[in-house]
């Protein structure tokens, strides 16, 4: 059980920057979803 939890935590840390994982998994988690959404105004984004 401990190794399974540690493996899942390692997987989450390793894949947090991948957009496919963010859309498929992380945005559906209630606590993580709002933190991953981009709230930057369009005029502040680079072209």
PDB file of N, CA and C in Angstrom:
ATOM      1  N   UNK A   1       0.832  -1.189   0.000  1.00  0.00           N
ATOM      2  CA  UNK A   1       0.000   0.000   0.000  1.00  0.00           C
ATOM      3  C   UNK A   1       0.877   1.253   0.000  1.00  0.00           C
ATOM      4  N   UNK A   2       1.917   1.248   0.795  1.00  0.00           N
ATOM      5  CA  UNK A   2       2.812   2.401   0.867  1.00  0.00           C
ATOM      6  C   UNK A   2       3.530   2.628  -0.459  1.00  0.00           C
ATOM      7  N   UNK A   3       4.003   1.541  -1.071  1.00  0.00           N
ATOM      8  CA  UNK A   3       4.713   1.678  -2.339  1.00  0.00           C
ATOM      9  C   UNK A   3       3.773   2.102  -3.456  1.00  0.00           C
ATOM     10  N   UNK A   4       2.540   1.659  -3.406  1.00  0.00           N
ATOM     11  CA  UNK A   4       1.563   2.069  -4.412  1.00  0.00           C
ATOM     12  C   UNK A   4       1.261   3.556  -4.323  1.00  0.00           C
ATOM     13  N   UNK A   5       1.109   4.061  -3.092  1.00  0.00           N
ATOM     14  CA  UNK A   5       0.869   5.493  -2.896  1.00  0.00           C
ATOM     15  C   UNK A   5       2.059   6.324  -3.334  1.00  0.00           C
ATOM     16  N   UNK A   6       3.255   5.844  -3.008  1.00  0.00           N
ATOM     17  CA  UNK A   6       4.466   6.562  -3.410  1.00  0.00           C
ATOM     18  C   UNK A   6       4.623   6.552  -4.932  1.00  0.00           C
ATOM     19  N   UNK A   7       4.262   5.454  -5.558  1.00  0.00           N
ATOM     20  CA  UNK A   7       4.342   5.377  -7.024  1.00  0.00           C
ATOM     21  C   UNK A   7       3.363   6.339  -7.684  1.00  0.00           C
ATOM     22  N   UNK A   8       2.151   6.416  -7.163  1.00  0.00           N
ATOM     23  CA  UNK A   8       1.158   7.343  -7.726  1.00  0.00           C
ATOM     24  C   UNK A   8       1.596   8.791  -7.526  1.00  0.00           C
ATOM     25  N   UNK A   9       2.135   9.103  -6.358  1.00  0.00           N
ATOM     26  CA  UNK A   9       2.623  10.458  -6.106  1.00  0.00           C
ATOM     27  C   UNK A   9       3.753  10.798  -7.070  1.00  0.00           C
ATOM     28  N   UNK A  10       4.668   9.861  -7.291  1.00  0.00           N
ATOM     29  CA  UNK A  10       5.754  10.075  -8.241  1.00  0.00           C
ATOM     30  C   UNK A  10       5.242  10.274  -9.658  1.00  0.00           C
ATOM     31  N   UNK A  11       4.226   9.516 -10.040  1.00  0.00           N
ATOM     32  CA  UNK A  11       3.628   9.674 -11.366  1.00  0.00           C
ATOM     33  C   UNK A  11       2.994  11.050 -11.508  1.00  0.00           C
ATOM     34  N   UNK A  12       2.282  11.511 -10.478  1.00  0.00           N
ATOM     35  CA  UNK A  12       1.662  12.836 -10.523  1.00  0.00           C
ATOM     36  C   UNK A  12       2.709  13.936 -10.631  1.00  0.00           C
ATOM     37  N   UNK A  13       3.798  13.807  -9.897  1.00  0.00           N
ATOM     38  CA  UNK A  13       4.852  14.828  -9.945  1.00  0.00           C
ATOM     39  C   UNK A  13       5.516  14.841 -11.320  1.00  0.00           C
ATOM     40  N   UNK A  14       5.747  13.662 -11.879  1.00  0.00           N
ATOM     41  CA  UNK A  14       6.437  13.563 -13.161  1.00  0.00           C
ATOM     42  C   UNK A  14       5.589  14.072 -14.325  1.00  0.00           C
ATOM     43  N   UNK A  15       4.268  13.897 -14.254  1.00  0.00           N
ATOM     44  CA  UNK A  15       3.408  14.227 -15.389  1.00  0.00           C
ATOM     45  C   UNK A  15       2.619  15.516 -15.212  1.00  0.00           C
ATOM     46  N   UNK A  16       2.886  16.303 -14.186  1.00  0.00           N
ATOM     47  CA  UNK A  16       2.063  17.493 -13.947  1.00  0.00           C
ATOM     48  C   UNK A  16       2.218  18.559 -15.028  1.00  0.00           C
ATOM     49  N   UNK A  17       3.318  18.591 -15.743  1.00  0.00           N
ATOM     50  CA  UNK A  17       3.525  19.595 -16.780  1.00  0.00           C
ATOM     51  C   UNK A  17       3.033  19.185 -18.157  1.00  0.00           C
ATOM     52  N   UNK A  18       2.517  17.976 -18.291  1.00  0.00           N
ATOM     53  CA  UNK A  18       2.053  17.481 -19.582  1.00  0.00           C
ATOM     54  C   UNK A  18       0.597  17.876 -19.786  1.00  0.00           C
ATOM     55  N   UNK A  19       0.288  18.645 -20.825  1.00  0.00           N
ATOM     56  CA  UNK A  19      -1.093  19.106 -21.042  1.00  0.00           C
ATOM     57  C   UNK A  19      -2.114  17.975 -21.187  1.00  0.00           C
ATOM     58  N   UNK A  20      -1.716  16.859 -21.786  1.00  0.00           N
ATOM     59  CA  UNK A  20      -2.662  15.752 -21.957  1.00  0.00           C
ATOM     60  C   UNK A  20      -3.093  15.194 -20.601  1.00  0.00           C
ATOM     61  N   UNK A  21      -2.166  15.063 -19.675  1.00  0.00           N
ATOM     62  CA  UNK A  21      -2.508  14.576 -18.346  1.00  0.00           C
ATOM     63  C   UNK A  21      -3.307  15.616 -17.570  1.00  0.00           C
ATOM     64  N   UNK A  22      -3.004  16.892 -17.770  1.00  0.00           N
ATOM     65  CA  UNK A  22      -3.758  17.941 -17.088  1.00  0.00           C
ATOM     66  C   UNK A  22      -5.213  17.907 -17.509  1.00  0.00           C
ATOM     67  N   UNK A  23      -5.467  17.782 -18.809  1.00  0.00           N
ATOM     68  CA  UNK A  23      -6.843  17.775 -19.302  1.00  0.00           C
ATOM     69  C   UNK A  23      -7.578  16.492 -18.927  1.00  0.00           C
ATOM     70  N   UNK A  24      -6.899  15.359 -19.006  1.00  0.00           N
ATOM     71  CA  UNK A  24      -7.565  14.078 -18.798  1.00  0.00           C
ATOM     72  C   UNK A  24      -7.750  13.723 -17.328  1.00  0.00           C
ATOM     73  N   UNK A  25      -6.802  14.088 -16.484  1.00  0.00           N
ATOM     74  CA  UNK A  25      -6.830  13.613 -15.098  1.00  0.00           C
ATOM     75  C   UNK A  25      -6.891  14.750 -14.091  1.00  0.00           C
ATOM     76  N   UNK A  26      -5.933  15.650 -14.143  1.00  0.00           N
ATOM     77  CA  UNK A  26      -5.769  16.615 -13.050  1.00  0.00           C
ATOM     78  C   UNK A  26      -6.896  17.632 -12.951  1.00  0.00           C
ATOM     79  N   UNK A  27      -7.454  18.058 -14.065  1.00  0.00           N
ATOM     80  CA  UNK A  27      -8.534  19.051 -14.010  1.00  0.00           C
ATOM     81  C   UNK A  27      -9.832  18.461 -13.481  1.00  0.00           C
ATOM     82  N   UNK A  28      -9.930  17.143 -13.419  1.00  0.00           N
ATOM     83  CA  UNK A  28     -11.123  16.491 -12.890  1.00  0.00           C
ATOM     84  C   UNK A  28     -11.038  16.261 -11.383  1.00  0.00           C
ATOM     85  N   UNK A  29      -9.871  16.458 -10.785  1.00  0.00           N
ATOM     86  CA  UNK A  29      -9.712  16.336  -9.339  1.00  0.00           C
ATOM     87  C   UNK A  29     -10.190  17.644  -8.716  1.00  0.00           C
ATOM     88  N   UNK A  30     -11.143  17.601  -7.779  1.00  0.00           N
ATOM     89  CA  UNK A  30     -11.742  18.838  -7.261  1.00  0.00           C
ATOM     90  C   UNK A  30     -10.749  19.847  -6.687  1.00  0.00           C
ATOM     91  N   UNK A  31      -9.713  19.415  -5.999  1.00  0.00           N
ATOM     92  CA  UNK A  31      -8.774  20.357  -5.391  1.00  0.00           C
ATOM     93  C   UNK A  31      -7.736  20.881  -6.375  1.00  0.00           C
ATOM     94  N   UNK A  32      -7.393  20.109  -7.386  1.00  0.00           N
ATOM     95  CA  UNK A  32      -6.364  20.518  -8.344  1.00  0.00           C
ATOM     96  C   UNK A  32      -6.916  21.235  -9.566  1.00  0.00           C
ATOM     97  N   UNK A  33      -8.131  20.963  -9.940  1.00  0.00           N
ATOM     98  CA  UNK A  33      -8.716  21.510 -11.162  1.00  0.00           C
ATOM     99  C   UNK A  33      -8.636  23.017 -11.276  1.00  0.00           C
ATOM    100  N   UNK A  34      -9.127  23.774 -10.289  1.00  0.00           N
ATOM    101  CA  UNK A  34      -9.093  25.242 -10.401  1.00  0.00           C
ATOM    102  C   UNK A  34      -7.680  25.829 -10.443  1.00  0.00           C
ATOM    103  N   UNK A  35      -6.701  25.145  -9.857  1.00  0.00           N
ATOM    104  CA  UNK A  35      -5.344  25.693  -9.849  1.00  0.00           C
ATOM    105  C   UNK A  35      -4.657  25.545 -11.196  1.00  0.00           C
ATOM    106  N   UNK A  36      -5.115  24.629 -12.039  1.00  0.00           N
ATOM    107  CA  UNK A  36      -4.477  24.400 -13.333  1.00  0.00           C
ATOM    108  C   UNK A  36      -5.105  25.199 -14.466  1.00  0.00           C
ATOM    109  N   UNK A  37      -6.226  25.848 -14.223  1.00  0.00           N
ATOM    110  CA  UNK A  37      -6.869  26.635 -15.269  1.00  0.00           C
ATOM    111  C   UNK A  37      -6.129  27.948 -15.472  1.00  0.00           C
ATOM    112  N   UNK A  38      -6.003  28.345 -16.714  1.00  0.00           N
ATOM    113  CA  UNK A  38      -5.278  29.565 -17.064  1.00  0.00           C
ATOM    114  C   UNK A  38      -6.228  30.757 -17.003  1.00  0.00           C
ATOM    115  N   UNK A  39      -5.958  31.683 -16.088  1.00  0.00           N
ATOM    116  CA  UNK A  39      -6.794  32.873 -15.920  1.00  0.00           C
ATOM    117  C   UNK A  39      -6.091  34.135 -16.419  1.00  0.00           C
ATOM    118  N   UNK A  40      -5.085  33.975 -17.269  1.00  0.00           N
ATOM    119  CA  UNK A  40      -4.338  35.101 -17.804  1.00  0.00           C
ATOM    120  C   UNK A  40      -5.169  35.807 -18.875  1.00  0.00           C
ATOM    121  N   UNK A  41      -5.316  37.126 -18.786  1.00  0.00           N
ATOM    122  CA  UNK A  41      -6.064  37.840 -19.828  1.00  0.00           C
ATOM    123  C   UNK A  41      -5.372  37.705 -21.187  1.00  0.00           C
ATOM    124  N   UNK A  42      -6.132  37.698 -22.274  1.00  0.00           N
ATOM    125  CA  UNK A  42      -5.545  37.509 -23.612  1.00  0.00           C
ATOM    126  C   UNK A  42      -4.500  38.566 -23.970  1.00  0.00           C
ATOM    127  N   UNK A  43      -4.663  39.784 -23.480  1.00  0.00           N
ATOM    128  CA  UNK A  43      -3.694  40.828 -23.826  1.00  0.00           C
ATOM    129  C   UNK A  43      -2.351  40.641 -23.121  1.00  0.00           C
ATOM    130  N   UNK A  44      -2.299  39.804 -22.077  1.00  0.00           N
ATOM    131  CA  UNK A  44      -1.049  39.560 -21.367  1.00  0.00           C
ATOM    132  C   UNK A  44      -0.316  38.318 -21.860  1.00  0.00           C
ATOM    133  N   UNK A  45      -0.919  37.569 -22.763  1.00  0.00           N
ATOM    134  CA  UNK A  45      -0.289  36.356 -23.283  1.00  0.00           C
ATOM    135  C   UNK A  45       0.594  36.701 -24.476  1.00  0.00           C
ATOM    136  N   UNK A  46       1.726  35.995 -24.624  1.00  0.00           N
ATOM    137  CA  UNK A  46       2.558  36.226 -25.817  1.00  0.00           C
ATOM    138  C   UNK A  46       1.867  35.678 -27.061  1.00  0.00           C
ATOM    139  N   UNK A  47       2.269  36.164 -28.194  1.00  0.00           N
ATOM    140  CA  UNK A  47       1.642  35.733 -29.458  1.00  0.00           C
ATOM    141  C   UNK A  47       1.922  34.313 -29.763  1.00  0.00           C
TER     142      UNK A  47
END
